[in-house]
Amino acid sequence: MQEHIKKRALDIGTYIMESSSTVRRTAEIFGVSKSTVHKDVTERLPQINKQLSAEVKNILDSNKAERHIRGGEATKRKYKHSSEED
């Protein structure tokens, strides 16, 4: 694995651990795709730092469990805003 990829995987893992960020938000911050973030934390990070990988996995599992709530809130805001324009 190339050194810059290792560094990115560690940086992404550390960022997610410190901020409890979602994959989508992390991808925006680091300027990479969601697929890259996912691959970095699920495939590359366990090879580099098992402990950090386990902590990140717990955060991403929690984010996934809460996903339906965030999605519902986004839909609520979208339709509330469009009904105010009518």
N, C-alpha and C. Protein backbone atom coordinates (compact mmCIF):
# COMPACT_ATOMS: atom_id res chain seq x y z
N MET A 1 0.85 -1.18 0.00
CA MET A 1 0.00 0.00 0.00
C MET A 1 0.90 1.25 0.00
N GLN A 2 0.55 2.21 -0.83
CA GLN A 2 1.34 3.43 -0.94
C GLN A 2 1.21 4.26 0.34
N GLU A 3 2.26 4.98 0.64
CA GLU A 3 2.31 5.74 1.89
C GLU A 3 1.21 6.79 2.00
N HIS A 4 0.92 7.50 0.90
CA HIS A 4 -0.13 8.54 0.97
C HIS A 4 -1.51 7.93 1.21
N ILE A 5 -1.72 6.70 0.75
CA ILE A 5 -3.00 6.03 0.99
C ILE A 5 -3.10 5.62 2.46
N LYS A 6 -2.00 5.12 3.02
CA LYS A 6 -1.98 4.78 4.44
C LYS A 6 -2.29 6.01 5.29
N LYS A 7 -1.63 7.12 4.94
CA LYS A 7 -1.84 8.36 5.69
C LYS A 7 -3.28 8.82 5.59
N ARG A 8 -3.85 8.75 4.39
CA ARG A 8 -5.25 9.17 4.21
C ARG A 8 -6.18 8.29 5.03
N ALA A 9 -5.96 6.98 5.01
CA ALA A 9 -6.81 6.07 5.77
C ALA A 9 -6.74 6.38 7.27
N LEU A 10 -5.53 6.64 7.77
CA LEU A 10 -5.38 7.00 9.18
C LEU A 10 -6.03 8.35 9.49
N ASP A 11 -5.84 9.32 8.59
CA ASP A 11 -6.45 10.64 8.79
C ASP A 11 -7.97 10.54 8.79
N ILE A 12 -8.52 9.78 7.87
CA ILE A 12 -9.97 9.61 7.79
C ILE A 12 -10.49 8.90 9.04
N GLY A 13 -9.80 7.84 9.45
CA GLY A 13 -10.21 7.11 10.65
C GLY A 13 -10.18 8.00 11.88
N THR A 14 -9.13 8.78 12.02
CA THR A 14 -9.01 9.69 13.16
C THR A 14 -10.11 10.74 13.13
N TYR A 15 -10.37 11.29 11.95
CA TYR A 15 -11.42 12.31 11.81
C TYR A 15 -12.78 11.75 12.20
N ILE A 16 -13.11 10.56 11.72
CA ILE A 16 -14.41 9.95 12.04
C ILE A 16 -14.50 9.68 13.54
N MET A 17 -13.42 9.20 14.14
CA MET A 17 -13.43 8.90 15.57
C MET A 17 -13.63 10.18 16.39
N GLU A 18 -12.96 11.26 16.01
CA GLU A 18 -13.04 12.50 16.78
C GLU A 18 -14.35 13.25 16.57
N SER A 19 -14.93 13.13 15.37
CA SER A 19 -16.12 13.94 15.06
C SER A 19 -17.41 13.14 14.96
N SER A 20 -17.31 11.81 14.99
CA SER A 20 -18.48 10.93 14.77
C SER A 20 -19.15 11.26 13.43
N SER A 21 -18.36 11.66 12.48
CA SER A 21 -18.85 12.08 11.17
C SER A 21 -19.38 10.89 10.36
N THR A 22 -20.29 11.19 9.44
CA THR A 22 -20.80 10.18 8.52
C THR A 22 -19.82 9.99 7.37
N VAL A 23 -19.98 8.90 6.64
CA VAL A 23 -19.14 8.64 5.47
C VAL A 23 -19.31 9.77 4.46
N ARG A 24 -20.54 10.18 4.23
CA ARG A 24 -20.81 11.23 3.25
C ARG A 24 -20.11 12.54 3.63
N ARG A 25 -20.24 12.94 4.88
CA ARG A 25 -19.64 14.19 5.34
C ARG A 25 -18.11 14.10 5.30
N THR A 26 -17.57 12.96 5.69
CA THR A 26 -16.13 12.74 5.67
C THR A 26 -15.60 12.83 4.24
N ALA A 27 -16.32 12.25 3.30
CA ALA A 27 -15.92 12.30 1.90
C ALA A 27 -15.86 13.75 1.42
N GLU A 28 -16.83 14.56 1.82
CA GLU A 28 -16.83 15.97 1.44
C GLU A 28 -15.61 16.69 2.02
N ILE A 29 -15.32 16.44 3.28
CA ILE A 29 -14.21 17.10 3.96
C ILE A 29 -12.87 16.74 3.31
N PHE A 30 -12.68 15.46 2.98
CA PHE A 30 -11.40 15.00 2.44
C PHE A 30 -11.32 15.09 0.92
N GLY A 31 -12.42 15.44 0.26
CA GLY A 31 -12.40 15.59 -1.19
C GLY A 31 -12.24 14.29 -1.94
N VAL A 32 -12.81 13.22 -1.38
CA VAL A 32 -12.78 11.92 -2.02
C VAL A 32 -14.21 11.39 -2.10
N SER A 33 -14.39 10.26 -2.78
CA SER A 33 -15.72 9.69 -2.90
C SER A 33 -16.12 8.92 -1.64
N LYS A 34 -17.42 8.68 -1.49
CA LYS A 34 -17.90 7.86 -0.37
C LYS A 34 -17.30 6.46 -0.46
N SER A 35 -17.14 5.96 -1.67
CA SER A 35 -16.55 4.63 -1.86
C SER A 35 -15.12 4.57 -1.34
N THR A 36 -14.37 5.64 -1.58
CA THR A 36 -12.99 5.69 -1.10
C THR A 36 -12.95 5.70 0.42
N VAL A 37 -13.81 6.51 1.04
CA VAL A 37 -13.86 6.56 2.51
C VAL A 37 -14.21 5.17 3.04
N HIS A 38 -15.22 4.57 2.46
CA HIS A 38 -15.66 3.25 2.92
C HIS A 38 -14.53 2.22 2.78
N LYS A 39 -13.87 2.22 1.63
CA LYS A 39 -12.78 1.26 1.42
C LYS A 39 -11.63 1.53 2.39
N ASP A 40 -11.32 2.80 2.61
CA ASP A 40 -10.24 3.14 3.54
C ASP A 40 -10.53 2.61 4.95
N VAL A 41 -11.76 2.79 5.43
CA VAL A 41 -12.04 2.41 6.82
C VAL A 41 -12.40 0.94 6.99
N THR A 42 -12.87 0.27 5.94
CA THR A 42 -13.24 -1.13 6.11
C THR A 42 -12.17 -2.11 5.65
N GLU A 43 -11.33 -1.72 4.69
CA GLU A 43 -10.32 -2.64 4.17
C GLU A 43 -8.90 -2.23 4.55
N ARG A 44 -8.60 -0.95 4.42
CA ARG A 44 -7.22 -0.51 4.63
C ARG A 44 -6.89 -0.25 6.09
N LEU A 45 -7.79 0.43 6.79
CA LEU A 45 -7.53 0.78 8.18
C LEU A 45 -7.30 -0.45 9.08
N PRO A 46 -8.04 -1.53 8.93
CA PRO A 46 -7.77 -2.70 9.78
C PRO A 46 -6.35 -3.26 9.61
N GLN A 47 -5.77 -3.09 8.44
CA GLN A 47 -4.39 -3.55 8.20
C GLN A 47 -3.38 -2.63 8.87
N ILE A 48 -3.76 -1.37 9.05
CA ILE A 48 -2.83 -0.35 9.56
C ILE A 48 -2.94 -0.21 11.08
N ASN A 49 -4.18 -0.11 11.58
CA ASN A 49 -4.40 0.14 13.01
C ASN A 49 -5.71 -0.52 13.43
N LYS A 50 -5.62 -1.69 14.00
CA LYS A 50 -6.80 -2.47 14.35
C LYS A 50 -7.68 -1.79 15.40
N GLN A 51 -7.06 -1.15 16.37
CA GLN A 51 -7.84 -0.49 17.43
C GLN A 51 -8.65 0.68 16.88
N LEU A 52 -8.01 1.54 16.11
CA LEU A 52 -8.71 2.67 15.49
C LEU A 52 -9.81 2.15 14.58
N SER A 53 -9.52 1.10 13.84
CA SER A 53 -10.50 0.51 12.94
C SER A 53 -11.75 0.05 13.69
N ALA A 54 -11.55 -0.58 14.84
CA ALA A 54 -12.69 -1.06 15.64
C ALA A 54 -13.53 0.11 16.16
N GLU A 55 -12.87 1.18 16.59
CA GLU A 55 -13.59 2.35 17.09
C GLU A 55 -14.39 3.02 15.96
N VAL A 56 -13.77 3.14 14.79
CA VAL A 56 -14.45 3.73 13.65
C VAL A 56 -15.64 2.88 13.23
N LYS A 57 -15.48 1.56 13.25
CA LYS A 57 -16.57 0.66 12.89
C LYS A 57 -17.77 0.86 13.81
N ASN A 58 -17.52 1.02 15.12
CA ASN A 58 -18.61 1.27 16.05
C ASN A 58 -19.34 2.57 15.74
N ILE A 59 -18.60 3.61 15.40
CA ILE A 59 -19.22 4.90 15.05
C ILE A 59 -20.04 4.77 13.78
N LEU A 60 -19.48 4.12 12.76
CA LEU A 60 -20.22 3.98 11.50
C LEU A 60 -21.45 3.10 11.67
N ASP A 61 -21.37 2.07 12.52
CA ASP A 61 -22.54 1.25 12.81
C ASP A 61 -23.63 2.08 13.49
N SER A 62 -23.21 2.93 14.40
CA SER A 62 -24.16 3.82 15.09
C SER A 62 -24.79 4.80 14.10
N ASN A 63 -23.97 5.39 13.23
CA ASN A 63 -24.49 6.30 12.21
C ASN A 63 -25.49 5.60 11.31
N LYS A 64 -25.18 4.36 10.96
CA LYS A 64 -26.08 3.60 10.10
C LYS A 64 -27.41 3.34 10.80
N ALA A 65 -27.36 3.05 12.09
CA ALA A 65 -28.58 2.80 12.84
C ALA A 65 -29.45 4.05 12.95
N GLU A 66 -28.80 5.22 12.94
CA GLU A 66 -29.53 6.49 13.07
C GLU A 66 -29.90 7.10 11.72
N ARG A 67 -29.49 6.47 10.65
CA ARG A 67 -29.66 7.02 9.30
C ARG A 67 -31.11 7.38 8.99
N HIS A 68 -32.04 6.53 9.38
CA HIS A 68 -33.45 6.79 9.05
C HIS A 68 -33.96 8.06 9.74
N ILE A 69 -33.40 8.39 10.88
CA ILE A 69 -33.81 9.60 11.59
C ILE A 69 -33.32 10.83 10.84
N ARG A 70 -32.03 10.82 10.46
CA ARG A 70 -31.48 11.97 9.71
C ARG A 70 -32.19 12.14 8.38
N GLY A 71 -32.48 11.03 7.71
CA GLY A 71 -33.18 11.11 6.43
C GLY A 71 -34.56 11.70 6.58
N GLY A 72 -35.24 11.31 7.64
CA GLY A 72 -36.58 11.84 7.91
C GLY A 72 -36.55 13.33 8.18
N GLU A 73 -35.56 13.78 8.91
CA GLU A 73 -35.42 15.20 9.20
C GLU A 73 -35.14 16.00 7.93
N ALA A 74 -34.31 15.46 7.05
CA ALA A 74 -34.00 16.16 5.80
C ALA A 74 -35.26 16.29 4.94
N THR A 75 -36.04 15.23 4.87
CA THR A 75 -37.28 15.26 4.10
C THR A 75 -38.25 16.26 4.69
N LYS A 76 -38.35 16.29 6.01
CA LYS A 76 -39.24 17.22 6.70
C LYS A 76 -38.85 18.66 6.37
N ARG A 77 -37.55 18.97 6.44
CA ARG A 77 -37.08 20.33 6.11
C ARG A 77 -37.37 20.67 4.65
N LYS A 78 -37.15 19.71 3.77
CA LYS A 78 -37.36 19.95 2.34
C LYS A 78 -38.81 20.33 2.06
N TYR A 79 -39.73 19.56 2.59
CA TYR A 79 -41.14 19.82 2.30
C TYR A 79 -41.69 21.00 3.07
N LYS A 80 -41.15 21.28 4.24
CA LYS A 80 -41.57 22.45 4.99
C LYS A 80 -41.17 23.70 4.22
N HIS A 81 -39.96 23.69 3.68
CA HIS A 81 -39.47 24.83 2.91
C HIS A 81 -40.28 25.02 1.64
N SER A 82 -40.59 23.95 0.93
CA SER A 82 -41.33 24.09 -0.33
C SER A 82 -42.78 24.51 -0.09
N SER A 83 -43.37 24.14 1.05
CA SER A 83 -44.75 24.53 1.32
C SER A 83 -44.83 26.01 1.71
N GLU A 84 -43.73 26.58 2.23
CA GLU A 84 -43.70 27.99 2.55
C GLU A 84 -43.65 28.85 1.30
N GLU A 85 -43.14 28.28 0.19
CA GLU A 85 -43.04 29.02 -1.06
C GLU A 85 -44.38 29.08 -1.79
N ASP A 86 -45.27 28.14 -1.48
CA ASP A 86 -46.56 28.07 -2.20
C ASP A 86 -47.49 29.19 -1.86
